[in-house]
Amino acid sequence: MLAPNWCLNKKLLYCKFCGKEVHNKGCLTLHENNCINNPNHELSKTQQYKLDKDNRRDVNGKIKICGHPHTEESKKLLSEKRKKWLQEHKDQHVWKRNTKFLSIPCENLKLFLKNKNINFVEEYEPFDDVNYSLDIAWPDIKIAIEVNGNQHYNKDGSLKDYYQKRHNLFEDRGWKIFEIHYSKCFNININDFNDILNLSIYDKDYVNKYFSQKELKEKKKKEEKLIKDKQKQEIEENHKQIIYNLITNSDIDFSKYGWTSKALKYLQERNELWNKHIFQLIKKYYPDFLIESKIIALY
């Protein structure tokens, strides 16, 4: 193999482990460190992963636990932290994302109910302490429908532990939940939904009532925000007045070095030391004063 033109006049170097030609010391060092014939050769992360993958099964064919497995206590702690984070960031939950897929069976059932003039609330969240939502709900009478995929069920047709626990929690809090397999929602047979269609839910406009409650919550949030904004504005005005008093009433020469320590002392004497960044505060509230006093050149 011919060397490139740019290194024809350079002395060729050879790997002491495999004899491969290289053209500079840097490449030689890099190659020798990774040469497979090097007895001190360290595998790359990719190579190590491939070897680990091949050796992950024990003699019985079961996958070995690699690394440091979590204890039951650490698993519980991680679970609690995850739940707390989701409780504080409900909009980040997987079921709240814009990319959440639409379930065709569930949408078919919703359309079926709408054609029967039955109003309902979609993706209703009845509880504040758990992040559970219901596909189709009638909050006033605490009845809901859940459209479930195969992943919700065991082989014997019973709900898996997580979904059964969820179902039991709703029932313990007074809800009646209809668990429906998605296969019944493609070509809907009215006989499969007699229990639902015979409920006294035809004359109730749940959607309007639900959104009116939602509007009240939003109105309350806006009012709270206005109060907070007003308090923040009052604090800003107070801070602005403190800086104005500092500029106008103190005998400090702001054109000379050392004025910041004098300004801090001035505020301390009046118990008004609420922020040490005096220069930034003057720049924020009275930018023209910086130019007049020529202290901007000092920073």
Protein backbone atom coordinates (compact mmCIF):
# COMPACT_ATOMS: atom_id res chain seq x y z
CA MET A 1 0.00 0.00 0.00
CA LEU A 2 1.49 3.34 -1.11
CA ALA A 3 1.72 6.21 1.34
CA PRO A 4 0.03 9.54 0.54
CA ASN A 5 2.08 12.17 -1.33
CA TRP A 6 2.37 14.41 1.74
CA CYS A 7 4.32 11.79 3.68
CA LEU A 8 6.50 10.16 1.03
CA ASN A 9 9.61 11.86 2.37
CA LYS A 10 8.81 11.02 6.01
CA LYS A 11 10.22 8.06 7.89
CA LEU A 12 7.74 5.23 8.23
CA LEU A 13 7.05 3.88 11.70
CA TYR A 14 5.83 0.38 12.54
CA CYS A 15 3.63 -0.99 15.29
CA LYS A 16 5.74 -3.18 17.59
CA PHE A 17 2.78 -5.53 18.14
CA CYS A 18 1.43 -6.15 14.62
CA GLY A 19 3.91 -4.42 12.29
CA LYS A 20 1.41 -2.03 10.70
CA GLU A 21 2.90 1.01 8.94
CA VAL A 22 2.07 4.46 10.31
CA HIS A 23 3.42 7.87 9.32
CA ASN A 24 3.83 9.84 12.56
CA LYS A 25 4.37 9.25 16.25
CA GLY A 26 0.90 10.40 17.23
CA CYS A 27 -0.78 7.82 15.00
CA LEU A 28 1.70 5.18 16.20
CA THR A 29 0.88 5.81 19.87
CA LEU A 30 -2.85 5.78 19.18
CA HIS A 31 -2.63 2.57 17.18
CA GLU A 32 -0.42 0.71 19.66
CA ASN A 33 -2.71 1.60 22.56
CA ASN A 34 -5.65 0.07 20.69
CA CYS A 35 -3.83 -2.73 18.86
CA ILE A 36 -5.53 -6.08 19.47
CA ASN A 37 -2.08 -7.72 19.82
CA ASN A 38 -1.17 -5.39 22.65
CA PRO A 39 -1.34 -7.44 25.91
CA ASN A 40 -2.36 -4.25 27.78
CA HIS A 41 -4.97 -3.36 25.17
CA GLU A 42 -8.08 -1.72 26.65
CA LEU A 43 -11.35 -2.38 24.89
CA SER A 44 -13.38 0.53 23.61
CA LYS A 45 -16.86 1.08 25.08
CA THR A 46 -18.44 -0.43 21.95
CA GLN A 47 -16.23 -3.53 22.06
CA GLN A 48 -16.80 -3.93 25.80
CA TYR A 49 -20.57 -3.63 25.32
CA LYS A 50 -20.53 -6.36 22.65
CA LEU A 51 -18.58 -8.70 24.93
CA ASP A 52 -20.85 -7.95 27.88
CA LYS A 53 -23.88 -8.61 25.71
CA ASP A 54 -22.53 -12.04 24.73
CA ASN A 55 -21.74 -12.92 28.35
CA ARG A 56 -24.91 -11.64 30.02
CA ARG A 57 -26.59 -15.03 30.26
CA ASP A 58 -25.74 -17.62 32.88
CA VAL A 59 -25.65 -21.41 32.42
CA ASN A 60 -29.44 -21.56 32.72
CA GLY A 61 -29.90 -19.00 29.96
CA LYS A 62 -31.13 -16.25 32.31
CA ILE A 63 -29.81 -12.73 31.90
CA LYS A 64 -27.25 -11.77 34.51
CA ILE A 65 -27.57 -8.53 36.46
CA CYS A 66 -24.74 -6.27 35.29
CA GLY A 67 -23.22 -3.39 37.21
CA HIS A 68 -24.72 -2.38 40.55
CA PRO A 69 -28.37 -3.46 40.78
CA HIS A 70 -30.79 -1.25 42.68
CA THR A 71 -32.00 -2.37 46.07
CA GLU A 72 -35.69 -2.38 46.90
CA GLU A 73 -35.13 0.74 48.98
CA SER A 74 -33.40 2.60 46.12
CA LYS A 75 -36.13 1.51 43.67
CA LYS A 76 -38.79 2.85 46.02
CA LEU A 77 -36.88 6.14 46.43
CA LEU A 78 -36.54 6.57 42.64
CA SER A 79 -40.23 5.79 42.19
CA GLU A 80 -41.24 8.39 44.80
CA LYS A 81 -39.01 11.03 43.21
CA ARG A 82 -40.44 10.27 39.77
CA LYS A 83 -44.02 10.53 41.08
CA LYS A 84 -43.22 13.82 42.84
CA TRP A 85 -41.69 15.26 39.67
CA LEU A 86 -44.73 14.24 37.58
CA GLN A 87 -47.03 15.72 40.21
CA GLU A 88 -45.20 19.05 39.93
CA HIS A 89 -44.89 18.88 36.11
CA LYS A 90 -48.17 17.33 34.99
CA ASP A 91 -47.85 18.83 31.53
CA GLN A 92 -44.66 16.77 31.02
CA HIS A 93 -46.43 13.46 31.59
CA VAL A 94 -46.25 11.09 28.62
CA TRP A 95 -50.05 11.16 28.24
CA LYS A 96 -50.03 14.97 28.11
CA ARG A 97 -47.51 15.39 25.33
CA ASN A 98 -48.51 16.73 21.93
CA THR A 99 -46.93 13.67 20.35
CA LYS A 100 -49.28 11.32 22.21
CA PHE A 101 -50.86 8.97 19.71
CA LEU A 102 -54.64 8.82 19.25
CA SER A 103 -56.21 5.48 20.00
CA ILE A 104 -58.44 4.63 17.01
CA PRO A 105 -60.64 2.21 19.03
CA CYS A 106 -61.14 4.84 21.73
CA GLU A 107 -61.95 7.52 19.14
CA ASN A 108 -64.48 5.12 17.54
CA LEU A 109 -66.21 4.64 20.88
CA LYS A 110 -66.32 8.40 21.49
CA LEU A 111 -67.90 8.92 18.08
CA PHE A 112 -70.42 6.17 18.82
CA LEU A 113 -71.46 7.86 22.09
CA LYS A 114 -71.68 11.28 20.42
CA ASN A 115 -73.96 9.83 17.76
CA LYS A 116 -76.18 8.61 20.62
CA ASN A 117 -76.28 12.22 21.94
CA ILE A 118 -74.37 11.23 25.05
CA ASN A 119 -72.05 13.99 26.28
CA PHE A 120 -68.90 13.14 28.23
CA VAL A 121 -65.55 14.52 29.34
CA GLU A 122 -62.38 13.27 27.65
CA GLU A 123 -59.11 12.58 29.50
CA TYR A 124 -60.64 13.54 32.85
CA GLU A 125 -58.34 13.77 35.89
CA PRO A 126 -60.43 13.21 39.02
CA PHE A 127 -57.66 13.27 41.64
CA ASP A 128 -54.93 15.74 42.62
CA ASP A 129 -52.73 13.26 44.49
CA VAL A 130 -52.30 10.73 41.64
CA ASN A 131 -51.69 11.29 37.93
CA TYR A 132 -54.55 9.15 36.63
CA SER A 133 -56.80 10.21 33.78
CA LEU A 134 -59.89 8.51 32.35
CA ASP A 135 -60.55 8.06 28.63
CA ILE A 136 -64.29 8.84 28.88
CA ALA A 137 -65.90 10.13 32.07
CA TRP A 138 -69.09 11.43 33.63
CA PRO A 139 -67.77 13.18 36.75
CA ASP A 140 -71.13 14.01 38.35
CA ILE A 141 -72.14 10.38 38.67
CA LYS A 142 -68.57 9.04 38.91
CA ILE A 143 -68.76 6.69 35.96
CA ALA A 144 -66.04 6.19 33.37
CA ILE A 145 -64.92 4.02 30.47
CA GLU A 146 -61.37 2.85 29.91
CA VAL A 147 -60.42 1.42 26.50
CA ASN A 148 -57.58 -1.04 27.07
CA GLY A 149 -55.00 -2.65 24.80
CA ASN A 150 -53.54 -6.13 25.19
CA GLN A 151 -50.77 -4.76 27.40
CA HIS A 152 -53.34 -4.18 30.16
CA TYR A 153 -54.22 -7.88 30.53
CA ASN A 154 -52.67 -11.13 31.69
CA LYS A 155 -52.96 -14.27 29.59
CA ASP A 156 -56.03 -15.37 31.57
CA GLY A 157 -57.85 -12.13 30.68
CA SER A 158 -57.51 -10.50 34.11
CA LEU A 159 -56.06 -7.01 34.50
CA LYS A 160 -52.36 -6.80 35.26
CA ASP A 161 -51.40 -5.80 38.81
CA TYR A 162 -50.75 -2.12 38.01
CA TYR A 163 -54.08 -1.66 36.18
CA GLN A 164 -56.01 -3.69 38.75
CA LYS A 165 -54.55 -1.55 41.52
CA ARG A 166 -55.55 1.55 39.55
CA HIS A 167 -59.07 0.15 39.02
CA ASN A 168 -59.42 -0.64 42.73
CA LEU A 169 -58.32 2.88 43.70
CA PHE A 170 -61.08 4.39 41.57
CA GLU A 171 -63.68 2.04 43.04
CA ASP A 172 -62.51 2.76 46.58
CA ARG A 173 -63.15 6.45 45.88
CA GLY A 174 -66.69 5.84 44.65
CA TRP A 175 -66.14 5.46 40.88
CA LYS A 176 -67.63 2.83 38.57
CA ILE A 177 -65.13 1.95 35.83
CA PHE A 178 -66.02 -0.02 32.68
CA GLU A 179 -62.87 -1.76 31.44
CA ILE A 180 -63.37 -2.46 27.71
CA HIS A 181 -61.01 -4.33 25.41
CA TYR A 182 -60.10 -2.30 22.33
CA SER A 183 -61.31 -5.05 19.95
CA LYS A 184 -64.94 -4.28 20.90
CA CYS A 185 -64.59 -0.69 19.67
CA PHE A 186 -63.96 -1.29 15.95
CA ASN A 187 -67.31 -2.73 14.88
CA ILE A 188 -69.37 -1.76 17.88
CA ASN A 189 -72.12 -4.17 18.93
CA ILE A 190 -74.80 -2.33 20.90
CA ASN A 191 -75.38 -5.40 23.08
CA ASP A 192 -71.82 -5.06 24.42
CA PHE A 193 -72.65 -1.55 25.65
CA ASN A 194 -76.15 -2.03 27.10
CA ASP A 195 -74.94 -1.35 30.64
CA ILE A 196 -73.56 2.00 29.50
CA LEU A 197 -76.41 3.01 27.19
CA ASN A 198 -79.02 2.35 29.89
CA LEU A 199 -77.43 4.80 32.32
CA SER A 200 -79.23 8.08 33.05
CA ILE A 201 -76.64 10.22 31.35
CA TYR A 202 -78.50 11.57 28.34
CA ASP A 203 -79.80 14.86 29.75
CA LYS A 204 -76.62 16.07 31.43
CA ASP A 205 -74.28 18.45 29.65
CA TYR A 206 -71.07 17.38 31.36
CA VAL A 207 -68.78 19.07 28.89
CA ASN A 208 -70.10 22.58 29.52
CA LYS A 209 -70.18 22.04 33.26
CA TYR A 210 -66.65 20.68 33.28
CA PHE A 211 -65.27 23.57 31.27
CA SER A 212 -67.12 26.11 33.39
CA GLN A 213 -65.30 24.67 36.41
CA LYS A 214 -62.09 24.80 34.45
CA GLU A 215 -62.68 28.45 33.57
CA LEU A 216 -63.21 29.25 37.25
CA LYS A 217 -59.86 27.64 38.09
CA GLU A 218 -58.14 29.60 35.33
CA LYS A 219 -59.79 32.82 36.53
CA LYS A 220 -58.54 32.13 40.05
CA LYS A 221 -55.03 31.53 38.72
CA LYS A 222 -55.12 34.84 36.82
CA GLU A 223 -56.25 36.69 39.94
CA GLU A 224 -53.44 35.11 41.96
CA LYS A 225 -50.96 36.07 39.24
CA LEU A 226 -52.20 39.68 39.29
CA ILE A 227 -51.72 39.83 43.06
CA LYS A 228 -48.18 38.43 42.74
CA ASP A 229 -47.36 40.87 39.93
CA LYS A 230 -48.66 43.75 42.02
CA GLN A 231 -46.55 42.69 45.01
CA LYS A 232 -43.52 42.34 42.75
CA GLN A 233 -44.13 45.81 41.33
CA GLU A 234 -44.38 47.30 44.84
CA ILE A 235 -41.08 45.67 45.78
CA GLU A 236 -39.49 47.03 42.58
CA GLU A 237 -40.73 50.53 43.37
CA ASN A 238 -39.39 50.26 46.91
CA HIS A 239 -35.98 49.15 45.62
CA LYS A 240 -35.97 51.94 43.07
CA GLN A 241 -36.67 54.48 45.82
CA ILE A 242 -33.83 53.08 47.95
CA ILE A 243 -31.34 53.53 45.10
CA TYR A 244 -32.70 57.03 44.38
CA ASN A 245 -32.17 58.00 48.04
CA LEU A 246 -28.66 56.57 47.88
CA ILE A 247 -27.82 58.68 44.82
CA THR A 248 -29.43 61.94 45.93
CA ASN A 249 -29.04 61.96 49.71
CA SER A 250 -25.60 60.43 50.27
CA ASP A 251 -22.32 62.38 50.05
CA ILE A 252 -20.64 59.62 48.05
CA ASP A 253 -18.48 60.62 45.06
CA PHE A 254 -19.50 57.98 42.50
CA SER A 255 -16.73 59.03 40.09
CA LYS A 256 -14.00 57.63 42.36
CA TYR A 257 -12.98 54.09 43.18
CA GLY A 258 -14.24 52.70 46.48
CA TRP A 259 -17.74 54.14 46.15
CA THR A 260 -19.37 50.68 46.31
CA SER A 261 -18.11 49.96 49.85
CA LYS A 262 -19.35 53.39 50.94
CA ALA A 263 -22.71 52.73 49.31
CA LEU A 264 -23.03 49.38 51.10
CA LYS A 265 -22.16 51.02 54.42
CA TYR A 266 -24.74 53.76 53.74
CA LEU A 267 -27.46 51.14 53.15
CA GLN A 268 -26.39 49.06 56.16
CA GLU A 269 -26.78 52.01 58.47
CA ARG A 270 -30.38 52.36 57.29
CA ASN A 271 -31.12 48.58 57.29
CA GLU A 272 -31.71 48.73 53.55
CA LEU A 273 -29.08 46.25 52.38
CA TRP A 274 -31.24 44.01 50.22
CA ASN A 275 -28.82 43.50 47.33
CA LYS A 276 -25.03 43.83 47.14
CA HIS A 277 -24.89 44.49 43.41
CA ILE A 278 -25.16 48.25 43.68
CA PHE A 279 -23.75 48.97 40.22
CA GLN A 280 -26.27 46.66 38.50
CA LEU A 281 -29.10 48.26 40.47
CA ILE A 282 -28.10 51.78 39.44
CA LYS A 283 -27.70 50.56 35.86
CA LYS A 284 -31.21 49.06 36.03
CA TYR A 285 -33.09 51.92 37.65
CA TYR A 286 -31.05 55.03 36.78
CA PRO A 287 -28.89 54.31 33.70
CA ASP A 288 -28.46 58.03 32.93
CA PHE A 289 -26.74 58.53 36.29
CA LEU A 290 -23.92 56.20 35.19
CA ILE A 291 -23.05 58.49 32.30
CA GLU A 292 -23.38 61.66 34.37
CA SER A 293 -21.13 60.37 37.16
CA LYS A 294 -18.79 58.62 34.67
CA ILE A 295 -18.66 55.51 36.85
CA ILE A 296 -19.56 53.25 33.94
CA ALA A 297 -15.92 53.49 32.81
CA LEU A 298 -14.84 51.86 36.04
CA TYR A 299 -16.58 48.56 35.09
